[in-house]
Amino acid sequence: MSTARPTRPLHGNIADPFKTSNILSPSPPFHLHPLTRRHYRVATAAIEALVDLVNHCLRVRIPGALVYARPRMGKTHAIDYVALHLAIHNPVVSQ
């Protein structure tokens, strides 16, 4: 009987893709986290409606649109989201 230790690593195995790693990746410092920095966009129902409207305008070749709402309603965030969406789904348009 041998007392040799197994040679398989303890933190995952390429041959066994379902085995997860025991080593956790370090989390970013608190001040750099996207939630702390407000570096994220959430697609609300109104923002999704704006995305649909912009896609419709592109499809029927409407050259412009007006985004109107009361102050502090999130127009700038919605336009930022639409710009990111276009960059991903229609990169030719967003150039």
C-alpha atoms as a PDB file:
ATOM      1  CA  MET A   1       0.000   0.000   0.000  1.00  0.00           C
ATOM      2  CA  SER A   2       1.405   3.353  -1.055  1.00  0.00           C
ATOM      3  CA  THR A   3       1.176   6.533   1.016  1.00  0.00           C
ATOM      4  CA  ALA A   4       1.824   8.849  -1.946  1.00  0.00           C
ATOM      5  CA  ARG A   5      -0.434  11.842  -2.225  1.00  0.00           C
ATOM      6  CA  PRO A   6      -2.616  12.191  -5.332  1.00  0.00           C
ATOM      7  CA  THR A   7      -1.206  14.424  -8.045  1.00  0.00           C
ATOM      8  CA  ARG A   8      -4.555  15.928  -9.013  1.00  0.00           C
ATOM      9  CA  PRO A   9      -4.798  19.604  -7.989  1.00  0.00           C
ATOM     10  CA  LEU A  10      -7.264  20.497  -5.250  1.00  0.00           C
ATOM     11  CA  HIS A  11      -8.610  23.591  -7.026  1.00  0.00           C
ATOM     12  CA  GLY A  12     -10.145  22.085 -10.145  1.00  0.00           C
ATOM     13  CA  ASN A  13      -9.283  19.735 -12.928  1.00  0.00           C
ATOM     14  CA  ILE A  14      -9.356  20.364 -16.671  1.00  0.00           C
ATOM     15  CA  ALA A  15     -10.504  16.790 -17.271  1.00  0.00           C
ATOM     16  CA  ASP A  16     -13.413  17.304 -14.836  1.00  0.00           C
ATOM     17  CA  PRO A  17     -15.181  20.519 -15.919  1.00  0.00           C
ATOM     18  CA  PHE A  18     -17.905  20.140 -13.281  1.00  0.00           C
ATOM     19  CA  LYS A  19     -15.461  20.377 -10.398  1.00  0.00           C
ATOM     20  CA  THR A  20     -15.371  23.954  -9.191  1.00  0.00           C
ATOM     21  CA  SER A  21     -12.415  25.810  -7.845  1.00  0.00           C
ATOM     22  CA  ASN A  22     -11.787  26.082  -4.105  1.00  0.00           C
ATOM     23  CA  ILE A  23      -9.834  29.296  -4.656  1.00  0.00           C
ATOM     24  CA  LEU A  24     -12.014  32.409  -4.717  1.00  0.00           C
ATOM     25  CA  SER A  25     -10.998  35.317  -6.875  1.00  0.00           C
ATOM     26  CA  PRO A  26     -10.321  38.460  -4.873  1.00  0.00           C
ATOM     27  CA  SER A  27     -13.141  40.976  -4.900  1.00  0.00           C
ATOM     28  CA  PRO A  28     -12.366  44.517  -6.014  1.00  0.00           C
ATOM     29  CA  PRO A  29     -11.905  47.189  -3.364  1.00  0.00           C
ATOM     30  CA  PHE A  30     -15.182  48.699  -2.187  1.00  0.00           C
ATOM     31  CA  HIS A  31     -14.563  52.072  -3.844  1.00  0.00           C
ATOM     32  CA  LEU A  32     -13.989  50.381  -7.247  1.00  0.00           C
ATOM     33  CA  HIS A  33     -17.084  48.152  -7.239  1.00  0.00           C
ATOM     34  CA  PRO A  34     -19.554  49.001 -10.078  1.00  0.00           C
ATOM     35  CA  LEU A  35     -22.417  49.460  -7.617  1.00  0.00           C
ATOM     36  CA  THR A  36     -20.411  51.886  -5.492  1.00  0.00           C
ATOM     37  CA  ARG A  37     -19.239  53.839  -8.523  1.00  0.00           C
ATOM     38  CA  ARG A  38     -22.752  53.793 -10.064  1.00  0.00           C
ATOM     39  CA  HIS A  39     -21.186  52.301 -13.200  1.00  0.00           C
ATOM     40  CA  TYR A  40     -24.116  50.200 -14.371  1.00  0.00           C
ATOM     41  CA  ARG A  41     -27.367  50.577 -16.294  1.00  0.00           C
ATOM     42  CA  VAL A  42     -30.651  48.856 -15.496  1.00  0.00           C
ATOM     43  CA  ALA A  43     -33.193  48.461 -18.284  1.00  0.00           C
ATOM     44  CA  THR A  44     -36.530  49.546 -16.863  1.00  0.00           C
ATOM     45  CA  ALA A  45     -39.785  49.195 -18.792  1.00  0.00           C
ATOM     46  CA  ALA A  46     -39.536  52.819 -19.933  1.00  0.00           C
ATOM     47  CA  ILE A  47     -35.944  52.351 -21.108  1.00  0.00           C
ATOM     48  CA  GLU A  48     -36.914  49.194 -23.011  1.00  0.00           C
ATOM     49  CA  ALA A  49     -39.734  51.181 -24.653  1.00  0.00           C
ATOM     50  CA  LEU A  50     -37.169  53.794 -25.716  1.00  0.00           C
ATOM     51  CA  VAL A  51     -34.921  51.050 -27.132  1.00  0.00           C
ATOM     52  CA  ASP A  52     -37.899  49.714 -29.105  1.00  0.00           C
ATOM     53  CA  LEU A  53     -38.675  53.220 -30.364  1.00  0.00           C
ATOM     54  CA  VAL A  54     -35.080  53.808 -31.484  1.00  0.00           C
ATOM     55  CA  ASN A  55     -35.021  50.408 -33.215  1.00  0.00           C
ATOM     56  CA  HIS A  56     -38.287  51.317 -34.974  1.00  0.00           C
ATOM     57  CA  CYS A  57     -36.835  54.668 -36.061  1.00  0.00           C
ATOM     58  CA  LEU A  58     -33.798  52.889 -37.474  1.00  0.00           C
ATOM     59  CA  ARG A  59     -35.914  50.290 -39.258  1.00  0.00           C
ATOM     60  CA  VAL A  60     -38.148  52.841 -41.020  1.00  0.00           C
ATOM     61  CA  ARG A  61     -35.301  55.344 -41.463  1.00  0.00           C
ATOM     62  CA  ILE A  62     -36.670  58.172 -39.353  1.00  0.00           C
ATOM     63  CA  PRO A  63     -33.775  60.650 -39.160  1.00  0.00           C
ATOM     64  CA  GLY A  64     -34.390  61.908 -35.618  1.00  0.00           C
ATOM     65  CA  ALA A  65     -36.490  61.705 -32.493  1.00  0.00           C
ATOM     66  CA  LEU A  66     -37.249  63.828 -29.460  1.00  0.00           C
ATOM     67  CA  VAL A  67     -36.875  62.432 -25.946  1.00  0.00           C
ATOM     68  CA  TYR A  68     -39.003  64.455 -23.565  1.00  0.00           C
ATOM     69  CA  ALA A  69     -39.750  64.039 -19.869  1.00  0.00           C
ATOM     70  CA  ARG A  70     -39.855  66.078 -16.694  1.00  0.00           C
ATOM     71  CA  PRO A  71     -36.513  66.992 -15.112  1.00  0.00           C
ATOM     72  CA  ARG A  72     -34.709  64.238 -13.151  1.00  0.00           C
ATOM     73  CA  MET A  73     -36.645  61.404 -14.818  1.00  0.00           C
ATOM     74  CA  GLY A  74     -33.578  59.581 -16.184  1.00  0.00           C
ATOM     75  CA  LYS A  75     -33.362  60.719 -19.784  1.00  0.00           C
ATOM     76  CA  THR A  76     -29.567  60.826 -19.767  1.00  0.00           C
ATOM     77  CA  HIS A  77     -29.317  57.339 -18.238  1.00  0.00           C
ATOM     78  CA  ALA A  78     -31.825  56.043 -20.791  1.00  0.00           C
ATOM     79  CA  ILE A  79     -29.867  57.549 -23.679  1.00  0.00           C
ATOM     80  CA  ASP A  80     -26.632  56.077 -22.284  1.00  0.00           C
ATOM     81  CA  TYR A  81     -28.342  52.673 -22.133  1.00  0.00           C
ATOM     82  CA  VAL A  82     -29.591  53.026 -25.715  1.00  0.00           C
ATOM     83  CA  ALA A  83     -26.074  53.968 -26.854  1.00  0.00           C
ATOM     84  CA  LEU A  84     -24.616  50.868 -25.155  1.00  0.00           C
ATOM     85  CA  HIS A  85     -27.410  48.728 -26.616  1.00  0.00           C
ATOM     86  CA  LEU A  86     -26.750  50.062 -30.120  1.00  0.00           C
ATOM     87  CA  ALA A  87     -23.008  49.527 -29.755  1.00  0.00           C
ATOM     88  CA  ILE A  88     -23.657  45.856 -28.996  1.00  0.00           C
ATOM     89  CA  HIS A  89     -26.553  45.087 -31.341  1.00  0.00           C
ATOM     90  CA  ASN A  90     -25.993  47.589 -34.182  1.00  0.00           C
ATOM     91  CA  PRO A  91     -22.306  48.538 -34.178  1.00  0.00           C
ATOM     92  CA  VAL A  92     -22.521  50.156 -37.628  1.00  0.00           C
ATOM     93  CA  VAL A  93     -25.122  52.675 -36.389  1.00  0.00           C
ATOM     94  CA  SER A  94     -23.298  53.605 -33.190  1.00  0.00           C
ATOM     95  CA  GLN A  95     -20.058  54.654 -34.910  1.00  0.00           C
END
